[in-house]
PDB file of N, CA and C in Angstrom:
ATOM      1  N   MET A   1     -56.618 -37.975 -24.416  1.00  0.00           N
ATOM      2  CA  MET A   1     -57.772 -38.168 -23.566  1.00  0.00           C
ATOM      3  C   MET A   1     -58.368 -39.519 -23.888  1.00  0.00           C
ATOM      4  N   GLY A   2     -58.615 -40.279 -22.845  1.00  0.00           N
ATOM      5  CA  GLY A   2     -59.171 -41.606 -23.035  1.00  0.00           C
ATOM      6  C   GLY A   2     -60.653 -41.579 -23.302  1.00  0.00           C
ATOM      7  N   ILE A   3     -61.134 -42.624 -23.918  1.00  0.00           N
ATOM      8  CA  ILE A   3     -62.548 -42.726 -24.225  1.00  0.00           C
ATOM      9  C   ILE A   3     -63.390 -42.748 -22.954  1.00  0.00           C
ATOM     10  N   GLY A   4     -62.834 -43.343 -21.889  1.00  0.00           N
ATOM     11  CA  GLY A   4     -63.549 -43.369 -20.613  1.00  0.00           C
ATOM     12  C   GLY A   4     -63.785 -41.972 -20.063  1.00  0.00           C
ATOM     13  N   ASP A   5     -62.789 -41.092 -20.218  1.00  0.00           N
ATOM     14  CA  ASP A   5     -62.930 -39.708 -19.765  1.00  0.00           C
ATOM     15  C   ASP A   5     -63.998 -38.984 -20.572  1.00  0.00           C
ATOM     16  N   LYS A   6     -63.988 -39.206 -21.879  1.00  0.00           N
ATOM     17  CA  LYS A   6     -64.986 -38.570 -22.737  1.00  0.00           C
ATOM     18  C   LYS A   6     -66.391 -39.003 -22.339  1.00  0.00           C
ATOM     19  N   ILE A   7     -66.559 -40.287 -22.091  1.00  0.00           N
ATOM     20  CA  ILE A   7     -67.873 -40.815 -21.715  1.00  0.00           C
ATOM     21  C   ILE A   7     -68.313 -40.238 -20.370  1.00  0.00           C
ATOM     22  N   GLU A   8     -67.402 -40.185 -19.418  1.00  0.00           N
ATOM     23  CA  GLU A   8     -67.717 -39.652 -18.086  1.00  0.00           C
ATOM     24  C   GLU A   8     -68.118 -38.179 -18.165  1.00  0.00           C
ATOM     25  N   ASN A   9     -67.387 -37.392 -18.945  1.00  0.00           N
ATOM     26  CA  ASN A   9     -67.711 -35.977 -19.094  1.00  0.00           C
ATOM     27  C   ASN A   9     -69.063 -35.793 -19.767  1.00  0.00           C
ATOM     28  N   MET A  10     -69.334 -36.585 -20.787  1.00  0.00           N
ATOM     29  CA  MET A  10     -70.615 -36.494 -21.482  1.00  0.00           C
ATOM     30  C   MET A  10     -71.749 -36.913 -20.552  1.00  0.00           C
ATOM     31  N   LYS A  11     -71.500 -37.931 -19.729  1.00  0.00           N
ATOM     32  CA  LYS A  11     -72.521 -38.383 -18.783  1.00  0.00           C
ATOM     33  C   LYS A  11     -72.867 -37.266 -17.809  1.00  0.00           C
ATOM     34  N   ASP A  12     -71.851 -36.580 -17.308  1.00  0.00           N
ATOM     35  CA  ASP A  12     -72.094 -35.471 -16.386  1.00  0.00           C
ATOM     36  C   ASP A  12     -72.962 -34.399 -17.043  1.00  0.00           C
ATOM     37  N   LYS A  13     -72.656 -34.084 -18.280  1.00  0.00           N
ATOM     38  CA  LYS A  13     -73.436 -33.056 -18.973  1.00  0.00           C
ATOM     39  C   LYS A  13     -74.885 -33.496 -19.191  1.00  0.00           C
ATOM     40  N   VAL A  14     -75.081 -34.719 -19.648  1.00  0.00           N
ATOM     41  CA  VAL A  14     -76.420 -35.209 -19.955  1.00  0.00           C
ATOM     42  C   VAL A  14     -77.256 -35.357 -18.683  1.00  0.00           C
ATOM     43  N   VAL A  15     -76.676 -35.957 -17.653  1.00  0.00           N
ATOM     44  CA  VAL A  15     -77.398 -36.123 -16.389  1.00  0.00           C
ATOM     45  C   VAL A  15     -77.713 -34.761 -15.785  1.00  0.00           C
ATOM     46  N   GLY A  16     -76.773 -33.838 -15.876  1.00  0.00           N
ATOM     47  CA  GLY A  16     -77.002 -32.486 -15.376  1.00  0.00           C
ATOM     48  C   GLY A  16     -78.142 -31.795 -16.095  1.00  0.00           C
ATOM     49  N   GLU A  17     -78.201 -31.954 -17.409  1.00  0.00           N
ATOM     50  CA  GLU A  17     -79.295 -31.366 -18.183  1.00  0.00           C
ATOM     51  C   GLU A  17     -80.634 -31.952 -17.751  1.00  0.00           C
ATOM     52  N   GLY A  18     -80.653 -33.257 -17.534  1.00  0.00           N
ATOM     53  CA  GLY A  18     -81.881 -33.911 -17.093  1.00  0.00           C
ATOM     54  C   GLY A  18     -82.325 -33.402 -15.733  1.00  0.00           C
ATOM     55  N   LYS A  19     -81.397 -33.300 -14.805  1.00  0.00           N
ATOM     56  CA  LYS A  19     -81.723 -32.796 -13.470  1.00  0.00           C
ATOM     57  C   LYS A  19     -82.253 -31.367 -13.551  1.00  0.00           C
ATOM     58  N   GLU A  20     -81.602 -30.558 -14.367  1.00  0.00           N
ATOM     59  CA  GLU A  20     -82.033 -29.170 -14.505  1.00  0.00           C
ATOM     60  C   GLU A  20     -83.462 -29.098 -15.053  1.00  0.00           C
ATOM     61  N   GLN A  21     -83.753 -29.892 -16.059  1.00  0.00           N
ATOM     62  CA  GLN A  21     -85.090 -29.890 -16.659  1.00  0.00           C
ATOM     63  C   GLN A  21     -86.154 -30.386 -15.681  1.00  0.00           C
ATOM     64  N   VAL A  22     -85.841 -31.457 -14.955  1.00  0.00           N
ATOM     65  CA  VAL A  22     -86.793 -31.969 -13.970  1.00  0.00           C
ATOM     66  C   VAL A  22     -86.991 -30.954 -12.857  1.00  0.00           C
ATOM     67  N   GLY A  23     -85.912 -30.351 -12.402  1.00  0.00           N
ATOM     68  CA  GLY A  23     -86.011 -29.325 -11.365  1.00  0.00           C
ATOM     69  C   GLY A  23     -86.844 -28.147 -11.806  1.00  0.00           C
ATOM     70  N   ASP A  24     -86.672 -27.737 -13.050  1.00  0.00           N
ATOM     71  CA  ASP A  24     -87.449 -26.625 -13.597  1.00  0.00           C
ATOM     72  C   ASP A  24     -88.924 -26.997 -13.705  1.00  0.00           C
ATOM     73  N   ALA A  25     -89.193 -28.203 -14.181  1.00  0.00           N
ATOM     74  CA  ALA A  25     -90.575 -28.639 -14.367  1.00  0.00           C
ATOM     75  C   ALA A  25     -91.313 -28.816 -13.038  1.00  0.00           C
ATOM     76  N   THR A  26     -90.592 -29.169 -11.994  1.00  0.00           N
ATOM     77  CA  THR A  26     -91.221 -29.428 -10.696  1.00  0.00           C
ATOM     78  C   THR A  26     -91.011 -28.278  -9.710  1.00  0.00           C
ATOM     79  N   ASP A  27     -90.463 -27.175 -10.179  1.00  0.00           N
ATOM     80  CA  ASP A  27     -90.155 -26.021  -9.331  1.00  0.00           C
ATOM     81  C   ASP A  27     -89.256 -26.392  -8.155  1.00  0.00           C
ATOM     82  N   ASN A  28     -88.337 -27.326  -8.401  1.00  0.00           N
ATOM     83  CA  ASN A  28     -87.381 -27.749  -7.389  1.00  0.00           C
ATOM     84  C   ASN A  28     -86.065 -27.019  -7.688  1.00  0.00           C
ATOM     85  N   GLU A  29     -85.873 -25.893  -7.006  1.00  0.00           N
ATOM     86  CA  GLU A  29     -84.704 -25.055  -7.281  1.00  0.00           C
ATOM     87  C   GLU A  29     -83.398 -25.775  -6.944  1.00  0.00           C
ATOM     88  N   ARG A  30     -83.411 -26.595  -5.899  1.00  0.00           N
ATOM     89  CA  ARG A  30     -82.201 -27.309  -5.502  1.00  0.00           C
ATOM     90  C   ARG A  30     -81.772 -28.272  -6.605  1.00  0.00           C
ATOM     91  N   LEU A  31     -82.706 -29.039  -7.138  1.00  0.00           N
ATOM     92  CA  LEU A  31     -82.391 -29.998  -8.194  1.00  0.00           C
ATOM     93  C   LEU A  31     -81.952 -29.281  -9.462  1.00  0.00           C
ATOM     94  N   GLU A  32     -82.593 -28.177  -9.761  1.00  0.00           N
ATOM     95  CA  GLU A  32     -82.223 -27.390 -10.940  1.00  0.00           C
ATOM     96  C   GLU A  32     -80.789 -26.862 -10.805  1.00  0.00           C
ATOM     97  N   ALA A  33     -80.452 -26.345  -9.634  1.00  0.00           N
ATOM     98  CA  ALA A  33     -79.106 -25.832  -9.397  1.00  0.00           C
ATOM     99  C   ALA A  33     -78.082 -26.962  -9.428  1.00  0.00           C
ATOM    100  N   GLU A  34     -78.444 -28.113  -8.880  1.00  0.00           N
ATOM    101  CA  GLU A  34     -77.545 -29.269  -8.898  1.00  0.00           C
ATOM    102  C   GLU A  34     -77.265 -29.698 -10.339  1.00  0.00           C
ATOM    103  N   GLY A  35     -78.290 -29.674 -11.176  1.00  0.00           N
ATOM    104  CA  GLY A  35     -78.116 -30.024 -12.582  1.00  0.00           C
ATOM    105  C   GLY A  35     -77.198 -29.062 -13.308  1.00  0.00           C
ATOM    106  N   LYS A  36     -77.378 -27.773 -13.052  1.00  0.00           N
ATOM    107  CA  LYS A  36     -76.511 -26.768 -13.676  1.00  0.00           C
ATOM    108  C   LYS A  36     -75.063 -26.966 -13.236  1.00  0.00           C
ATOM    109  N   ALA A  37     -74.875 -27.239 -11.948  1.00  0.00           N
ATOM    110  CA  ALA A  37     -73.523 -27.443 -11.429  1.00  0.00           C
ATOM    111  C   ALA A  37     -72.878 -28.675 -12.058  1.00  0.00           C
ATOM    112  N   GLN A  38     -73.650 -29.730 -12.227  1.00  0.00           N
ATOM    113  CA  GLN A  38     -73.105 -30.958 -12.813  1.00  0.00           C
ATOM    114  C   GLN A  38     -72.732 -30.732 -14.277  1.00  0.00           C
ATOM    115  N   GLN A  39     -73.540 -29.961 -14.986  1.00  0.00           N
ATOM    116  CA  GLN A  39     -73.212 -29.641 -16.375  1.00  0.00           C
ATOM    117  C   GLN A  39     -71.914 -28.838 -16.447  1.00  0.00           C
ATOM    118  N   THR A  40     -71.782 -27.868 -15.562  1.00  0.00           N
ATOM    119  CA  THR A  40     -70.582 -27.045 -15.531  1.00  0.00           C
ATOM    120  C   THR A  40     -69.358 -27.893 -15.227  1.00  0.00           C
ATOM    121  N   GLU A  41     -69.502 -28.813 -14.294  1.00  0.00           N
ATOM    122  CA  GLU A  41     -68.388 -29.707 -13.946  1.00  0.00           C
ATOM    123  C   GLU A  41     -67.955 -30.528 -15.165  1.00  0.00           C
ATOM    124  N   GLY A  42     -68.932 -31.068 -15.890  1.00  0.00           N
ATOM    125  CA  GLY A  42     -68.610 -31.839 -17.087  1.00  0.00           C
ATOM    126  C   GLY A  42     -67.922 -30.998 -18.142  1.00  0.00           C
ATOM    127  N   ASN A  43     -68.399 -29.775 -18.309  1.00  0.00           N
ATOM    128  CA  ASN A  43     -67.789 -28.873 -19.293  1.00  0.00           C
ATOM    129  C   ASN A  43     -66.355 -28.507 -18.912  1.00  0.00           C
ATOM    130  N   LEU A  44     -66.127 -28.248 -17.623  1.00  0.00           N
ATOM    131  CA  LEU A  44     -64.775 -27.895 -17.176  1.00  0.00           C
ATOM    132  C   LEU A  44     -63.819 -29.074 -17.326  1.00  0.00           C
ATOM    133  N   LYS A  45     -64.275 -30.263 -16.993  1.00  0.00           N
ATOM    134  CA  LYS A  45     -63.433 -31.449 -17.159  1.00  0.00           C
ATOM    135  C   LYS A  45     -63.074 -31.643 -18.628  1.00  0.00           C
ATOM    136  N   GLN A  46     -64.064 -31.453 -19.491  1.00  0.00           N
ATOM    137  CA  GLN A  46     -63.837 -31.606 -20.927  1.00  0.00           C
ATOM    138  C   GLN A  46     -62.824 -30.591 -21.420  1.00  0.00           C
ATOM    139  N   ALA A  47     -62.943 -29.355 -20.956  1.00  0.00           N
ATOM    140  CA  ALA A  47     -62.000 -28.312 -21.361  1.00  0.00           C
ATOM    141  C   ALA A  47     -60.585 -28.660 -20.902  1.00  0.00           C
ATOM    142  N   GLY A  48     -60.467 -29.168 -19.687  1.00  0.00           N
ATOM    143  CA  GLY A  48     -59.155 -29.580 -19.184  1.00  0.00           C
ATOM    144  C   GLY A  48     -58.544 -30.695 -20.008  1.00  0.00           C
ATOM    145  N   GLU A  49     -59.362 -31.646 -20.382  1.00  0.00           N
ATOM    146  CA  GLU A  49     -58.881 -32.744 -21.221  1.00  0.00           C
ATOM    147  C   GLU A  49     -58.465 -32.228 -22.600  1.00  0.00           C
ATOM    148  N   ASN A  50     -59.191 -31.265 -23.134  1.00  0.00           N
ATOM    149  CA  ASN A  50     -58.839 -30.682 -24.431  1.00  0.00           C
ATOM    150  C   ASN A  50     -57.478 -29.985 -24.365  1.00  0.00           C
ATOM    151  N   VAL A  51     -57.211 -29.300 -23.256  1.00  0.00           N
ATOM    152  CA  VAL A  51     -55.909 -28.641 -23.079  1.00  0.00           C
ATOM    153  C   VAL A  51     -54.802 -29.686 -23.031  1.00  0.00           C
ATOM    154  N   LYS A  52     -55.033 -30.764 -22.273  1.00  0.00           N
ATOM    155  CA  LYS A  52     -54.028 -31.838 -22.216  1.00  0.00           C
ATOM    156  C   LYS A  52     -53.754 -32.404 -23.600  1.00  0.00           C
ATOM    157  N   ASP A  53     -54.817 -32.640 -24.367  1.00  0.00           N
ATOM    158  CA  ASP A  53     -54.656 -33.181 -25.720  1.00  0.00           C
ATOM    159  C   ASP A  53     -53.867 -32.214 -26.611  1.00  0.00           C
ATOM    160  N   ALA A  54     -54.104 -30.928 -26.449  1.00  0.00           N
ATOM    161  CA  ALA A  54     -53.408 -29.940 -27.269  1.00  0.00           C
ATOM    162  C   ALA A  54     -51.897 -29.989 -27.004  1.00  0.00           C
ATOM    163  N   PHE A  55     -51.511 -30.190 -25.755  1.00  0.00           N
ATOM    164  CA  PHE A  55     -50.084 -30.250 -25.430  1.00  0.00           C
ATOM    165  C   PHE A  55     -49.446 -31.567 -25.858  1.00  0.00           C
ATOM    166  N   LYS A  56     -50.229 -32.608 -25.956  1.00  0.00           N
ATOM    167  CA  LYS A  56     -49.685 -33.900 -26.408  1.00  0.00           C
ATOM    168  C   LYS A  56     -49.334 -33.848 -27.886  1.00  0.00           C
ATOM    169  N   ASN A  57     -50.088 -33.072 -28.644  1.00  0.00           N
ATOM    170  CA  ASN A  57     -49.879 -32.995 -30.093  1.00  0.00           C
ATOM    171  C   ASN A  57     -48.864 -31.987 -30.361  1.00  0.00           C
TER     172      ASN A  57
END
């Protein structure tokens, strides 16, 4: 897994957490849901990259 992929996945998680927190604080359910979805996307991408790395070794 390249460093660029790691950074992109981490960015998705961090930005998603921020969106979720802002959505929660402002009672914006759409933004909160978007943040949760972005976090999930980052986590799934990371898991996929981990599987690829496991097969390379």
